[in-house]
N, C-alpha and C. Protein backbone atom coordinates (compact mmCIF):
# COMPACT_ATOMS: atom_id res chain seq x y z
N VAL A 1 -14.13 -29.01 -44.24
CA VAL A 1 -15.18 -28.48 -44.70
C VAL A 1 -14.68 -27.20 -45.60
N ARG A 2 -14.04 -26.55 -45.78
CA ARG A 2 -13.65 -26.02 -46.74
C ARG A 2 -13.29 -26.18 -47.89
N ALA A 3 -12.38 -27.62 -47.54
CA ALA A 3 -12.38 -28.42 -48.93
C ALA A 3 -13.83 -28.57 -49.49
N PHE A 4 -14.02 -29.40 -48.86
CA PHE A 4 -15.44 -30.02 -49.41
C PHE A 4 -16.38 -28.65 -49.86
N HIS A 5 -16.41 -27.52 -49.55
CA HIS A 5 -17.04 -26.23 -50.19
C HIS A 5 -16.80 -26.08 -51.15
N ARG A 6 -15.05 -26.18 -51.40
CA ARG A 6 -14.53 -25.87 -52.51
C ARG A 6 -14.81 -26.95 -53.90
N VAL A 7 -15.14 -28.28 -53.46
CA VAL A 7 -14.75 -28.81 -54.14
C VAL A 7 -16.53 -28.83 -54.94
N ARG A 8 -17.34 -28.76 -54.36
CA ARG A 8 -18.53 -28.62 -54.64
C ARG A 8 -19.25 -27.26 -54.84
N ARG A 9 -18.26 -26.32 -54.96
CA ARG A 9 -18.40 -25.10 -56.00
C ARG A 9 -17.81 -25.23 -57.75
N ALA A 10 -16.21 -26.06 -57.66
CA ALA A 10 -15.95 -26.71 -58.43
C ALA A 10 -16.71 -27.39 -59.53
N LEU A 11 -17.67 -28.46 -58.85
CA LEU A 11 -18.11 -29.47 -60.01
C LEU A 11 -20.08 -28.51 -60.05
N ARG A 12 -20.13 -27.61 -59.58
CA ARG A 12 -21.39 -26.58 -60.25
C ARG A 12 -21.27 -26.44 -61.15
N PRO A 13 -20.50 -25.99 -62.06
CA PRO A 13 -20.72 -25.86 -63.65
C PRO A 13 -21.63 -27.49 -64.60
N PHE A 14 -20.12 -28.80 -63.78
CA PHE A 14 -20.61 -30.22 -64.24
C PHE A 14 -21.87 -30.23 -63.99
N GLN A 15 -22.15 -29.94 -62.46
CA GLN A 15 -23.90 -30.50 -62.25
C GLN A 15 -24.83 -29.69 -63.25
N PHE A 16 -24.56 -28.77 -63.66
CA PHE A 16 -25.79 -27.67 -64.39
C PHE A 16 -25.73 -28.01 -65.70
N ALA A 17 -24.16 -28.95 -66.34
CA ALA A 17 -24.54 -29.20 -67.42
C ALA A 17 -25.25 -31.03 -67.81
N MET A 18 -24.65 -31.32 -66.62
CA MET A 18 -25.62 -32.68 -66.68
C MET A 18 -27.38 -32.65 -66.43
N ARG A 19 -27.82 -31.67 -65.63
CA ARG A 19 -29.03 -31.05 -65.50
C ARG A 19 -29.64 -30.61 -66.89
N ASN A 20 -28.98 -29.89 -67.23
CA ASN A 20 -29.54 -29.64 -69.13
C ASN A 20 -29.07 -30.72 -69.72
N ALA A 21 -28.66 -31.54 -69.76
CA ALA A 21 -28.86 -32.63 -70.53
C ALA A 21 -29.66 -33.84 -70.18
N GLY A 22 -29.87 -33.42 -69.37
CA GLY A 22 -31.29 -34.65 -68.66
C GLY A 22 -30.99 -35.33 -68.05
N PHE A 23 -29.48 -35.30 -67.33
CA PHE A 23 -29.32 -36.59 -66.17
C PHE A 23 -29.52 -36.06 -65.14
N GLU A 24 -29.58 -36.98 -63.85
CA GLU A 24 -29.97 -36.38 -62.47
C GLU A 24 -28.49 -35.89 -62.21
N SER A 25 -28.36 -35.25 -61.10
CA SER A 25 -27.53 -34.50 -60.48
C SER A 25 -27.75 -34.59 -58.92
N ARG A 26 -27.29 -35.63 -58.25
CA ARG A 26 -27.40 -35.45 -56.63
C ARG A 26 -26.65 -34.37 -55.92
N LYS A 27 -26.80 -34.02 -54.89
CA LYS A 27 -26.40 -33.22 -53.90
C LYS A 27 -24.97 -34.33 -52.96
N LEU A 28 -24.12 -33.33 -53.12
CA LEU A 28 -22.93 -33.98 -52.32
C LEU A 28 -23.06 -34.22 -51.27
N ASN A 29 -22.95 -35.57 -50.55
CA ASN A 29 -23.01 -35.69 -49.07
C ASN A 29 -21.65 -35.74 -48.05
N ILE A 30 -21.64 -34.62 -46.99
CA ILE A 30 -20.29 -34.48 -46.72
C ILE A 30 -20.03 -35.66 -45.68
N GLY A 31 -20.92 -36.32 -45.36
CA GLY A 31 -21.30 -37.29 -44.24
C GLY A 31 -20.13 -38.57 -44.47
N PRO A 32 -20.14 -39.38 -45.44
CA PRO A 32 -19.03 -40.45 -45.04
C PRO A 32 -17.91 -39.78 -45.34
N ALA A 33 -17.07 -38.65 -46.04
CA ALA A 33 -16.07 -37.87 -45.78
C ALA A 33 -15.81 -37.20 -44.94
N ALA A 34 -16.65 -36.82 -43.83
CA ALA A 34 -16.60 -36.45 -42.53
C ALA A 34 -16.10 -37.70 -41.79
N ALA A 35 -16.60 -38.83 -41.62
CA ALA A 35 -16.42 -39.78 -40.94
C ALA A 35 -15.53 -40.59 -40.98
N VAL A 36 -14.38 -40.58 -42.04
CA VAL A 36 -13.52 -41.02 -43.08
C VAL A 36 -12.50 -40.04 -41.84
N TYR A 37 -12.65 -38.69 -42.54
CA TYR A 37 -11.42 -38.07 -41.93
C TYR A 37 -11.26 -38.28 -40.20
N ALA A 38 -12.64 -38.23 -39.81
CA ALA A 38 -12.53 -38.28 -38.38
C ALA A 38 -11.55 -39.71 -38.30
N TRP A 39 -11.89 -40.91 -38.98
CA TRP A 39 -10.90 -42.07 -38.39
C TRP A 39 -9.83 -42.22 -38.62
N ALA A 40 -9.06 -41.42 -39.63
CA ALA A 40 -7.74 -41.04 -40.17
C ALA A 40 -6.97 -40.13 -39.17
N CYS A 41 -7.93 -39.30 -38.48
CA CYS A 41 -7.10 -38.22 -37.79
C CYS A 41 -7.44 -38.73 -36.11
N GLY A 42 -7.75 -39.93 -35.91
CA GLY A 42 -7.87 -40.69 -34.61
C GLY A 42 -8.54 -40.78 -33.66
N MET A 43 -10.07 -40.65 -34.41
CA MET A 43 -11.15 -40.72 -33.45
C MET A 43 -11.25 -41.54 -32.71
N ALA A 44 -11.78 -41.98 -31.66
CA ALA A 44 -12.16 -43.79 -31.28
C ALA A 44 -13.22 -43.93 -32.45
N TRP A 45 -13.52 -44.91 -32.70
CA TRP A 45 -14.59 -45.82 -33.76
C TRP A 45 -15.61 -45.92 -33.15
N GLU A 46 -15.95 -45.65 -31.53
CA GLU A 46 -17.22 -45.43 -30.88
C GLU A 46 -17.84 -44.04 -31.01
N ASP A 47 -16.73 -43.25 -31.25
CA ASP A 47 -17.06 -41.63 -31.48
C ASP A 47 -17.66 -41.46 -33.10
N VAL A 48 -17.00 -42.12 -33.80
CA VAL A 48 -17.18 -41.90 -35.03
C VAL A 48 -18.38 -42.50 -35.62
N THR A 49 -18.61 -43.79 -35.09
CA THR A 49 -20.28 -44.37 -35.16
C THR A 49 -21.29 -43.48 -34.49
N ALA A 50 -20.98 -43.33 -33.44
CA ALA A 50 -22.15 -42.12 -32.82
C ALA A 50 -21.96 -40.64 -33.96
N TYR A 51 -20.93 -39.90 -34.27
CA TYR A 51 -20.93 -39.09 -34.91
C TYR A 51 -21.44 -39.12 -36.37
N SER A 52 -21.30 -40.26 -37.19
CA SER A 52 -21.77 -40.38 -38.15
C SER A 52 -23.32 -41.03 -38.25
N GLU A 53 -23.54 -41.76 -37.37
CA GLU A 53 -24.63 -42.36 -36.96
C GLU A 53 -24.71 -43.45 -38.24
N SER A 54 -24.25 -44.17 -38.41
CA SER A 54 -23.54 -45.55 -39.18
C SER A 54 -23.52 -46.54 -38.09
N SER A 55 -23.63 -47.74 -38.72
CA SER A 55 -23.48 -48.94 -37.95
C SER A 55 -21.98 -49.48 -38.08
N ASP A 56 -21.75 -50.21 -37.76
CA ASP A 56 -20.52 -50.46 -37.14
C ASP A 56 -20.02 -50.90 -39.12
N GLY A 57 -20.40 -51.74 -39.32
CA GLY A 57 -20.68 -52.84 -40.49
C GLY A 57 -20.30 -51.93 -41.86
N ASP A 58 -21.10 -50.33 -42.11
CA ASP A 58 -21.40 -49.66 -42.63
C ASP A 58 -20.03 -49.14 -42.34
N LEU A 59 -19.79 -48.34 -41.15
CA LEU A 59 -18.74 -48.03 -41.57
C LEU A 59 -17.28 -48.77 -41.76
N VAL A 60 -16.70 -50.00 -41.18
CA VAL A 60 -16.62 -50.49 -42.21
C VAL A 60 -16.19 -50.63 -43.45
N MET A 61 -17.30 -51.07 -44.46
CA MET A 61 -17.21 -51.37 -45.60
C MET A 61 -17.12 -49.99 -46.13
N LEU A 62 -17.52 -48.95 -45.48
CA LEU A 62 -16.87 -47.54 -45.75
C LEU A 62 -15.00 -47.39 -46.01
N MET A 63 -14.73 -47.71 -44.66
CA MET A 63 -13.04 -47.71 -44.60
C MET A 63 -12.42 -48.47 -45.69
N LEU A 64 -12.88 -49.61 -46.14
CA LEU A 64 -12.49 -50.65 -46.90
C LEU A 64 -12.27 -50.29 -48.33
N ARG A 65 -13.69 -49.36 -48.90
CA ARG A 65 -13.92 -48.96 -50.22
C ARG A 65 -12.69 -47.95 -50.40
N THR A 66 -12.99 -46.88 -49.40
CA THR A 66 -12.17 -45.46 -49.26
C THR A 66 -10.00 -46.40 -49.91
N ALA A 67 -9.82 -47.22 -48.98
CA ALA A 67 -8.52 -47.91 -48.88
C ALA A 67 -8.59 -49.04 -50.43
N ASP A 68 -9.15 -49.13 -50.62
CA ASP A 68 -9.25 -50.02 -51.79
C ASP A 68 -9.21 -48.86 -53.23
N ASN A 69 -9.72 -47.68 -52.77
CA ASN A 69 -9.55 -46.61 -53.82
C ASN A 69 -8.29 -46.04 -53.63
N LEU A 70 -7.81 -45.35 -52.46
CA LEU A 70 -6.81 -44.76 -52.23
C LEU A 70 -5.28 -45.99 -52.90
N ARG A 71 -5.68 -47.19 -53.31
CA ARG A 71 -4.84 -48.11 -53.74
C ARG A 71 -4.57 -47.50 -54.87
N HIS A 72 -5.45 -47.87 -55.39
CA HIS A 72 -5.69 -47.55 -57.25
C HIS A 72 -4.73 -46.28 -56.86
N VAL A 73 -4.55 -45.13 -56.31
CA VAL A 73 -3.65 -43.88 -56.27
C VAL A 73 -2.57 -43.89 -56.30
N GLN A 74 -2.53 -45.19 -55.36
CA GLN A 74 -0.63 -45.57 -55.16
C GLN A 74 0.09 -46.01 -56.11
N ALA A 75 -1.17 -46.88 -56.89
CA ALA A 75 -0.59 -47.52 -58.25
C ALA A 75 -0.11 -46.45 -59.01
N LEU A 76 -0.13 -44.74 -58.80
CA LEU A 76 0.13 -43.98 -59.67
C LEU A 76 1.44 -43.29 -59.38
N GLY A 77 2.51 -43.67 -59.03
CA GLY A 77 3.04 -43.14 -58.14
C GLY A 77 4.19 -42.73 -58.96
N ASP A 78 4.64 -43.32 -60.38
CA ASP A 78 5.51 -42.95 -61.53
C ASP A 78 4.69 -41.54 -62.10
N ALA A 79 3.34 -41.15 -62.39
CA ALA A 79 3.12 -40.61 -63.10
C ALA A 79 2.59 -39.06 -61.70
N PHE A 80 2.69 -39.73 -60.31
CA PHE A 80 2.05 -38.60 -59.48
C PHE A 80 2.30 -39.21 -58.71
N PRO A 81 3.59 -38.76 -57.95
CA PRO A 81 4.35 -39.03 -56.78
C PRO A 81 3.55 -38.75 -55.50
N VAL A 82 3.66 -37.65 -55.44
CA VAL A 82 3.06 -37.09 -54.28
C VAL A 82 2.04 -37.35 -53.74
N ALA A 83 0.65 -37.34 -54.66
CA ALA A 83 -0.38 -37.96 -54.48
C ALA A 83 -0.68 -39.68 -54.15
N ALA A 84 0.59 -40.65 -54.59
CA ALA A 84 0.83 -41.78 -54.07
C ALA A 84 1.30 -41.77 -53.32
N LYS A 85 1.90 -41.16 -52.72
CA LYS A 85 2.63 -41.45 -51.47
C LYS A 85 1.52 -40.44 -50.32
N THR A 86 0.82 -39.85 -50.25
CA THR A 86 -0.43 -39.34 -49.64
C THR A 86 -1.18 -40.30 -49.61
N ALA A 87 -1.83 -41.42 -50.55
CA ALA A 87 -2.57 -42.21 -50.54
C ALA A 87 -2.31 -43.16 -49.65
N ARG A 88 -0.86 -43.64 -49.40
CA ARG A 88 -0.16 -44.64 -48.88
C ARG A 88 -0.21 -44.44 -47.29
N GLU A 89 0.24 -43.45 -47.23
CA GLU A 89 -0.19 -42.50 -46.18
C GLU A 89 -1.45 -42.56 -45.42
N ALA A 90 -2.19 -42.51 -45.94
CA ALA A 90 -3.76 -42.50 -45.95
C ALA A 90 -4.40 -43.99 -45.72
N VAL A 91 -4.26 -45.08 -46.44
CA VAL A 91 -4.27 -46.03 -46.19
C VAL A 91 -3.66 -46.28 -44.88
N ASP A 92 -2.27 -46.69 -44.36
CA ASP A 92 -2.14 -46.61 -42.97
C ASP A 92 -3.07 -46.18 -41.82
N LEU A 93 -3.28 -45.00 -42.16
CA LEU A 93 -4.14 -44.54 -41.03
C LEU A 93 -5.37 -45.09 -40.76
N LEU A 94 -5.88 -45.79 -42.16
CA LEU A 94 -7.48 -46.42 -41.96
C LEU A 94 -7.32 -47.47 -41.27
N PHE A 95 -6.15 -48.16 -41.83
CA PHE A 95 -5.61 -49.64 -41.38
C PHE A 95 -5.53 -49.66 -39.92
N ARG A 96 -6.53 -49.94 -38.96
CA ARG A 96 -6.30 -49.89 -37.58
C ARG A 96 -7.20 -50.61 -36.94
N ASP A 97 -7.62 -51.35 -36.16
CA ASP A 97 -8.95 -51.73 -35.22
C ASP A 97 -9.82 -51.20 -34.79
N PRO A 98 -11.09 -51.36 -35.24
CA PRO A 98 -11.73 -52.35 -35.86
C PRO A 98 -11.87 -52.69 -37.38
N VAL A 99 -11.29 -51.80 -38.12
CA VAL A 99 -10.81 -51.72 -39.68
C VAL A 99 -10.27 -53.37 -40.04
N MET A 100 -9.47 -52.73 -39.77
CA MET A 100 -8.14 -54.11 -39.48
C MET A 100 -7.92 -54.55 -38.55
N PRO A 101 -8.31 -55.65 -37.86
CA PRO A 101 -7.69 -56.15 -36.57
C PRO A 101 -6.48 -56.69 -36.18
N GLU A 102 -5.74 -56.27 -34.95
CA GLU A 102 -4.74 -56.91 -35.07
C GLU A 102 -4.29 -58.35 -35.24
N PRO A 103 -3.20 -58.57 -35.77
CA PRO A 103 -3.06 -60.01 -35.99
C PRO A 103 -3.03 -60.69 -34.88
N GLU A 104 -3.52 -61.99 -34.55
CA GLU A 104 -3.06 -62.50 -33.50
C GLU A 104 -2.05 -63.45 -33.34
N GLU A 105 -1.21 -63.44 -31.96
CA GLU A 105 -0.11 -64.24 -32.24
C GLU A 105 0.18 -65.65 -32.03
């Protein structure tokens, strides 16, 4: 939550500039990030769906899109090795059943 608030504060000047230029500026929603974080920390799927008030399909898509974005960060390993390593670890935390079912033998 603290990190979310730091990001929101850091983006305020940008949001004001966007509004002043006539563009829409939406409020940041912590819900999706909190759901991804809870899942990555090992919370049970049923608890994440209840906590986030989202459907199974919506949450799976959120996890897959997040993992896809993290894969792009992984590809930046030459320029940002720490970020790439962290992204790789995060993808591993997201890919567990039911997001990625166990392979059948």
